[in-house]
Amino acid sequence: MSADVEDKPNVAIHPPTIFLAAFIIGFIVRGFAGGALPLPDLIAEAVGGLVLIAALVLIVSSVSAFAEAGETLPPATPSRVLLTEGAYRYSRNPIYLAMVLIGVGFGVATENLWLVLTSVAAGVIINFFVIPEEEAYLERKFGVDYREFKERVRRWV
């Protein structure tokens, strides 16, 4: 890595803040504009609960991989290790995927269409404004290892 490039991704937006904002906006808009999902309560709660359980499994697996590698979670910090095990065998961004699933799961469980939409919108923002910066950094940092990882594992799923 060249000396003039700082050893961290150039992420201008804090991803958890994007997802928190999406969550808040989804509930506020629902309060003013309505927007209930047309699902029976039992089905909404069951499907939403299953999505939340999947998100929880994904988060635990991802955070465990970080902990085992001695890495830090904040996205704007240097990476010492390229994570490729656990949830990272299936997704290059399992934590972001889990954040989207949390919003969608809560949206479905509470029959809140706006929360589903704002959670997906947050994922789109992350996809176009955060992940490319992180990927450019990881490619600079890990070179061919990261390029091979990108070829094997999809960005989301």
C-alpha atoms as a PDB file:
ATOM      1  CA  MET A   1       0.000   0.000   0.000  1.00  0.00           C
ATOM      2  CA  SER A   2       1.375   3.410  -0.866  1.00  0.00           C
ATOM      3  CA  ALA A   3       2.345   5.769   1.913  1.00  0.00           C
ATOM      4  CA  ASP A   4      -0.010   8.525   0.714  1.00  0.00           C
ATOM      5  CA  VAL A   5      -3.132   6.382   1.148  1.00  0.00           C
ATOM      6  CA  GLU A   6      -4.412   6.061   4.694  1.00  0.00           C
ATOM      7  CA  ASP A   7      -4.794   2.476   5.923  1.00  0.00           C
ATOM      8  CA  LYS A   8      -8.568   2.473   6.169  1.00  0.00           C
ATOM      9  CA  PRO A   9     -11.512   2.598   3.780  1.00  0.00           C
ATOM     10  CA  ASN A  10     -12.676   6.046   2.736  1.00  0.00           C
ATOM     11  CA  VAL A  11     -16.211   5.568   4.061  1.00  0.00           C
ATOM     12  CA  ALA A  12     -17.965   8.914   4.421  1.00  0.00           C
ATOM     13  CA  ILE A  13     -21.246   7.514   5.751  1.00  0.00           C
ATOM     14  CA  HIS A  14     -21.494   5.461   8.963  1.00  0.00           C
ATOM     15  CA  PRO A  15     -23.489   2.335   7.927  1.00  0.00           C
ATOM     16  CA  PRO A  16     -25.212   1.672  11.290  1.00  0.00           C
ATOM     17  CA  THR A  17     -26.430   5.281  11.262  1.00  0.00           C
ATOM     18  CA  ILE A  18     -27.980   4.734   7.821  1.00  0.00           C
ATOM     19  CA  PHE A  19     -29.860   1.677   9.062  1.00  0.00           C
ATOM     20  CA  LEU A  20     -30.952   3.409  12.276  1.00  0.00           C
ATOM     21  CA  ALA A  21     -32.244   6.377  10.247  1.00  0.00           C
ATOM     22  CA  ALA A  22     -34.112   3.994   7.935  1.00  0.00           C
ATOM     23  CA  PHE A  23     -35.692   2.302  10.949  1.00  0.00           C
ATOM     24  CA  ILE A  24     -36.806   5.596  12.509  1.00  0.00           C
ATOM     25  CA  ILE A  25     -38.081   7.023   9.212  1.00  0.00           C
ATOM     26  CA  GLY A  26     -40.029   3.831   8.506  1.00  0.00           C
ATOM     27  CA  PHE A  27     -41.890   4.088  11.820  1.00  0.00           C
ATOM     28  CA  ILE A  28     -42.472   7.836  11.552  1.00  0.00           C
ATOM     29  CA  VAL A  29     -43.850   7.645   8.004  1.00  0.00           C
ATOM     30  CA  ARG A  30     -46.119   4.754   9.002  1.00  0.00           C
ATOM     31  CA  GLY A  31     -47.475   6.888  11.838  1.00  0.00           C
ATOM     32  CA  PHE A  32     -48.432   9.697   9.469  1.00  0.00           C
ATOM     33  CA  ALA A  33     -49.181   7.933   6.182  1.00  0.00           C
ATOM     34  CA  GLY A  34     -50.387   4.478   7.172  1.00  0.00           C
ATOM     35  CA  GLY A  35     -49.023   1.662   5.073  1.00  0.00           C
ATOM     36  CA  ALA A  36     -49.834  -1.631   6.702  1.00  0.00           C
ATOM     37  CA  LEU A  37     -48.824  -4.846   4.980  1.00  0.00           C
ATOM     38  CA  PRO A  38     -51.912  -6.872   4.022  1.00  0.00           C
ATOM     39  CA  LEU A  39     -50.978  -9.921   6.088  1.00  0.00           C
ATOM     40  CA  PRO A  40     -52.789 -11.716   8.898  1.00  0.00           C
ATOM     41  CA  ASP A  41     -51.104 -10.951  12.215  1.00  0.00           C
ATOM     42  CA  LEU A  42     -50.003 -14.536  12.843  1.00  0.00           C
ATOM     43  CA  ILE A  43     -48.365 -14.870   9.435  1.00  0.00           C
ATOM     44  CA  ALA A  44     -46.711 -11.450   9.657  1.00  0.00           C
ATOM     45  CA  GLU A  45     -45.281 -12.242  13.080  1.00  0.00           C
ATOM     46  CA  ALA A  46     -44.119 -15.726  12.056  1.00  0.00           C
ATOM     47  CA  VAL A  47     -42.442 -14.611   8.821  1.00  0.00           C
ATOM     48  CA  GLY A  48     -40.980 -11.492  10.425  1.00  0.00           C
ATOM     49  CA  GLY A  49     -39.719 -13.588  13.346  1.00  0.00           C
ATOM     50  CA  LEU A  50     -38.028 -16.077  11.019  1.00  0.00           C
ATOM     51  CA  VAL A  51     -36.310 -13.243   9.135  1.00  0.00           C
ATOM     52  CA  LEU A  52     -35.163 -11.762  12.456  1.00  0.00           C
ATOM     53  CA  ILE A  53     -33.790 -15.129  13.586  1.00  0.00           C
ATOM     54  CA  ALA A  54     -31.871 -15.442  10.300  1.00  0.00           C
ATOM     55  CA  ALA A  55     -30.485 -11.934  10.813  1.00  0.00           C
ATOM     56  CA  LEU A  56     -29.442 -12.775  14.370  1.00  0.00           C
ATOM     57  CA  VAL A  57     -27.621 -15.933  13.245  1.00  0.00           C
ATOM     58  CA  LEU A  58     -25.872 -13.925  10.535  1.00  0.00           C
ATOM     59  CA  ILE A  59     -24.831 -11.168  12.950  1.00  0.00           C
ATOM     60  CA  VAL A  60     -23.518 -13.605  15.569  1.00  0.00           C
ATOM     61  CA  SER A  61     -21.561 -15.553  12.956  1.00  0.00           C
ATOM     62  CA  SER A  62     -20.107 -12.374  11.449  1.00  0.00           C
ATOM     63  CA  VAL A  63     -19.158 -10.734  14.734  1.00  0.00           C
ATOM     64  CA  SER A  64     -17.646 -14.027  15.914  1.00  0.00           C
ATOM     65  CA  ALA A  65     -15.457 -14.116  12.795  1.00  0.00           C
ATOM     66  CA  PHE A  66     -14.263 -10.576  13.581  1.00  0.00           C
ATOM     67  CA  ALA A  67     -13.546 -11.483  17.207  1.00  0.00           C
ATOM     68  CA  GLU A  68     -11.702 -14.689  16.321  1.00  0.00           C
ATOM     69  CA  ALA A  69      -9.506 -12.776  13.857  1.00  0.00           C
ATOM     70  CA  GLY A  70      -8.835  -9.981  16.370  1.00  0.00           C
ATOM     71  CA  GLU A  71     -10.442  -7.445  14.039  1.00  0.00           C
ATOM     72  CA  THR A  72     -12.479  -4.372  14.974  1.00  0.00           C
ATOM     73  CA  LEU A  73     -16.032  -3.809  13.759  1.00  0.00           C
ATOM     74  CA  PRO A  74     -16.143  -0.095  12.854  1.00  0.00           C
ATOM     75  CA  PRO A  75     -16.083   0.138   9.046  1.00  0.00           C
ATOM     76  CA  ALA A  76     -13.621   3.056   8.902  1.00  0.00           C
ATOM     77  CA  THR A  77     -10.801   1.219  10.705  1.00  0.00           C
ATOM     78  CA  PRO A  78      -7.784  -0.617   9.245  1.00  0.00           C
ATOM     79  CA  SER A  79      -8.149  -4.304   8.408  1.00  0.00           C
ATOM     80  CA  ARG A  80      -5.372  -6.685   9.369  1.00  0.00           C
ATOM     81  CA  VAL A  81      -7.001  -9.884   8.132  1.00  0.00           C
ATOM     82  CA  LEU A  82      -9.203 -10.725   5.155  1.00  0.00           C
ATOM     83  CA  LEU A  83     -12.216 -12.527   6.605  1.00  0.00           C
ATOM     84  CA  THR A  84     -13.284 -15.462   4.411  1.00  0.00           C
ATOM     85  CA  GLU A  85     -14.737 -17.976   6.881  1.00  0.00           C
ATOM     86  CA  GLY A  86     -18.090 -18.356   8.621  1.00  0.00           C
ATOM     87  CA  ALA A  87     -20.758 -16.150   7.072  1.00  0.00           C
ATOM     88  CA  TYR A  88     -18.058 -14.648   4.847  1.00  0.00           C
ATOM     89  CA  ARG A  89     -18.011 -17.870   2.828  1.00  0.00           C
ATOM     90  CA  TYR A  90     -21.457 -16.919   1.518  1.00  0.00           C
ATOM     91  CA  SER A  91     -21.528 -13.117   1.560  1.00  0.00           C
ATOM     92  CA  ARG A  92     -18.816 -10.471   1.438  1.00  0.00           C
ATOM     93  CA  ASN A  93     -21.081  -8.223   3.525  1.00  0.00           C
ATOM     94  CA  PRO A  94     -23.000 -10.399   5.982  1.00  0.00           C
ATOM     95  CA  ILE A  95     -23.297  -7.672   8.633  1.00  0.00           C
ATOM     96  CA  TYR A  96     -24.910  -5.259   6.168  1.00  0.00           C
ATOM     97  CA  LEU A  97     -27.135  -8.074   4.945  1.00  0.00           C
ATOM     98  CA  ALA A  98     -28.163  -8.787   8.547  1.00  0.00           C
ATOM     99  CA  MET A  99     -28.951  -5.098   9.098  1.00  0.00           C
ATOM    100  CA  VAL A 100     -31.261  -5.094   6.070  1.00  0.00           C
ATOM    101  CA  LEU A 101     -32.881  -8.321   7.289  1.00  0.00           C
ATOM    102  CA  ILE A 102     -33.436  -6.838  10.760  1.00  0.00           C
ATOM    103  CA  GLY A 103     -35.347  -3.909   9.266  1.00  0.00           C
ATOM    104  CA  VAL A 104     -37.310  -6.118   6.885  1.00  0.00           C
ATOM    105  CA  GLY A 105     -38.047  -8.621   9.656  1.00  0.00           C
ATOM    106  CA  PHE A 106     -39.345  -5.945  12.014  1.00  0.00           C
ATOM    107  CA  GLY A 107     -41.271  -4.381   9.131  1.00  0.00           C
ATOM    108  CA  VAL A 108     -42.995  -7.636   8.283  1.00  0.00           C
ATOM    109  CA  ALA A 109     -43.598  -8.577  11.937  1.00  0.00           C
ATOM    110  CA  THR A 110     -45.195  -5.188  12.639  1.00  0.00           C
ATOM    111  CA  GLU A 111     -46.893  -5.108   9.203  1.00  0.00           C
ATOM    112  CA  ASN A 112     -45.083  -1.850   8.433  1.00  0.00           C
ATOM    113  CA  LEU A 113     -44.590  -1.490   4.674  1.00  0.00           C
ATOM    114  CA  TRP A 114     -42.550   1.698   5.163  1.00  0.00           C
ATOM    115  CA  LEU A 115     -40.034  -0.040   7.395  1.00  0.00           C
ATOM    116  CA  VAL A 116     -39.545  -2.749   4.777  1.00  0.00           C
ATOM    117  CA  LEU A 117     -39.049  -0.100   2.074  1.00  0.00           C
ATOM    118  CA  THR A 118     -36.697   2.126   4.091  1.00  0.00           C
ATOM    119  CA  SER A 119     -34.618  -0.903   5.125  1.00  0.00           C
ATOM    120  CA  VAL A 120     -34.218  -1.959   1.499  1.00  0.00           C
ATOM    121  CA  ALA A 121     -33.411   1.672   0.597  1.00  0.00           C
ATOM    122  CA  ALA A 122     -30.708   1.696   3.292  1.00  0.00           C
ATOM    123  CA  GLY A 123     -29.252  -1.443   1.717  1.00  0.00           C
ATOM    124  CA  VAL A 124     -29.214   0.290  -1.680  1.00  0.00           C
ATOM    125  CA  ILE A 125     -27.394   3.298  -0.180  1.00  0.00           C
ATOM    126  CA  ILE A 126     -24.850   0.977   1.444  1.00  0.00           C
ATOM    127  CA  ASN A 127     -24.452  -0.917  -1.830  1.00  0.00           C
ATOM    128  CA  PHE A 128     -23.625   2.180  -3.873  1.00  0.00           C
ATOM    129  CA  PHE A 129     -21.933   4.525  -1.388  1.00  0.00           C
ATOM    130  CA  VAL A 130     -20.215   2.395   1.266  1.00  0.00           C
ATOM    131  CA  ILE A 131     -19.334  -1.018  -0.131  1.00  0.00           C
ATOM    132  CA  PRO A 132     -17.443   0.282  -3.201  1.00  0.00           C
ATOM    133  CA  GLU A 133     -15.146   2.314  -0.910  1.00  0.00           C
ATOM    134  CA  GLU A 134     -14.588  -0.685   1.345  1.00  0.00           C
ATOM    135  CA  GLU A 135     -13.920  -2.949  -1.624  1.00  0.00           C
ATOM    136  CA  ALA A 136     -11.412  -0.510  -3.144  1.00  0.00           C
ATOM    137  CA  TYR A 137      -9.587  -0.399   0.198  1.00  0.00           C
ATOM    138  CA  LEU A 138      -9.576  -4.180   0.603  1.00  0.00           C
ATOM    139  CA  GLU A 139      -8.266  -4.614  -2.925  1.00  0.00           C
ATOM    140  CA  ARG A 140      -5.431  -2.140  -2.227  1.00  0.00           C
ATOM    141  CA  LYS A 141      -4.687  -3.848   1.064  1.00  0.00           C
ATOM    142  CA  PHE A 142      -4.995  -7.542   0.150  1.00  0.00           C
ATOM    143  CA  GLY A 143      -4.515  -7.469  -3.645  1.00  0.00           C
ATOM    144  CA  VAL A 144      -4.917 -10.800  -5.406  1.00  0.00           C
ATOM    145  CA  ASP A 145      -6.305 -12.511  -2.283  1.00  0.00           C
ATOM    146  CA  TYR A 146      -9.208 -10.069  -2.218  1.00  0.00           C
ATOM    147  CA  ARG A 147      -9.790 -10.278  -5.981  1.00  0.00           C
ATOM    148  CA  GLU A 148      -9.992 -14.081  -5.700  1.00  0.00           C
ATOM    149  CA  PHE A 149     -12.371 -13.722  -2.739  1.00  0.00           C
ATOM    150  CA  LYS A 150     -14.584 -11.398  -4.834  1.00  0.00           C
ATOM    151  CA  GLU A 151     -14.696 -13.989  -7.599  1.00  0.00           C
ATOM    152  CA  ARG A 152     -15.754 -16.758  -5.174  1.00  0.00           C
ATOM    153  CA  VAL A 153     -18.208 -14.888  -2.953  1.00  0.00           C
ATOM    154  CA  ARG A 154     -21.053 -12.599  -3.936  1.00  0.00           C
ATOM    155  CA  ARG A 155     -21.437  -9.105  -2.529  1.00  0.00           C
ATOM    156  CA  TRP A 156     -24.734  -9.828  -0.748  1.00  0.00           C
ATOM    157  CA  VAL A 157     -25.764 -13.503  -1.158  1.00  0.00           C
END
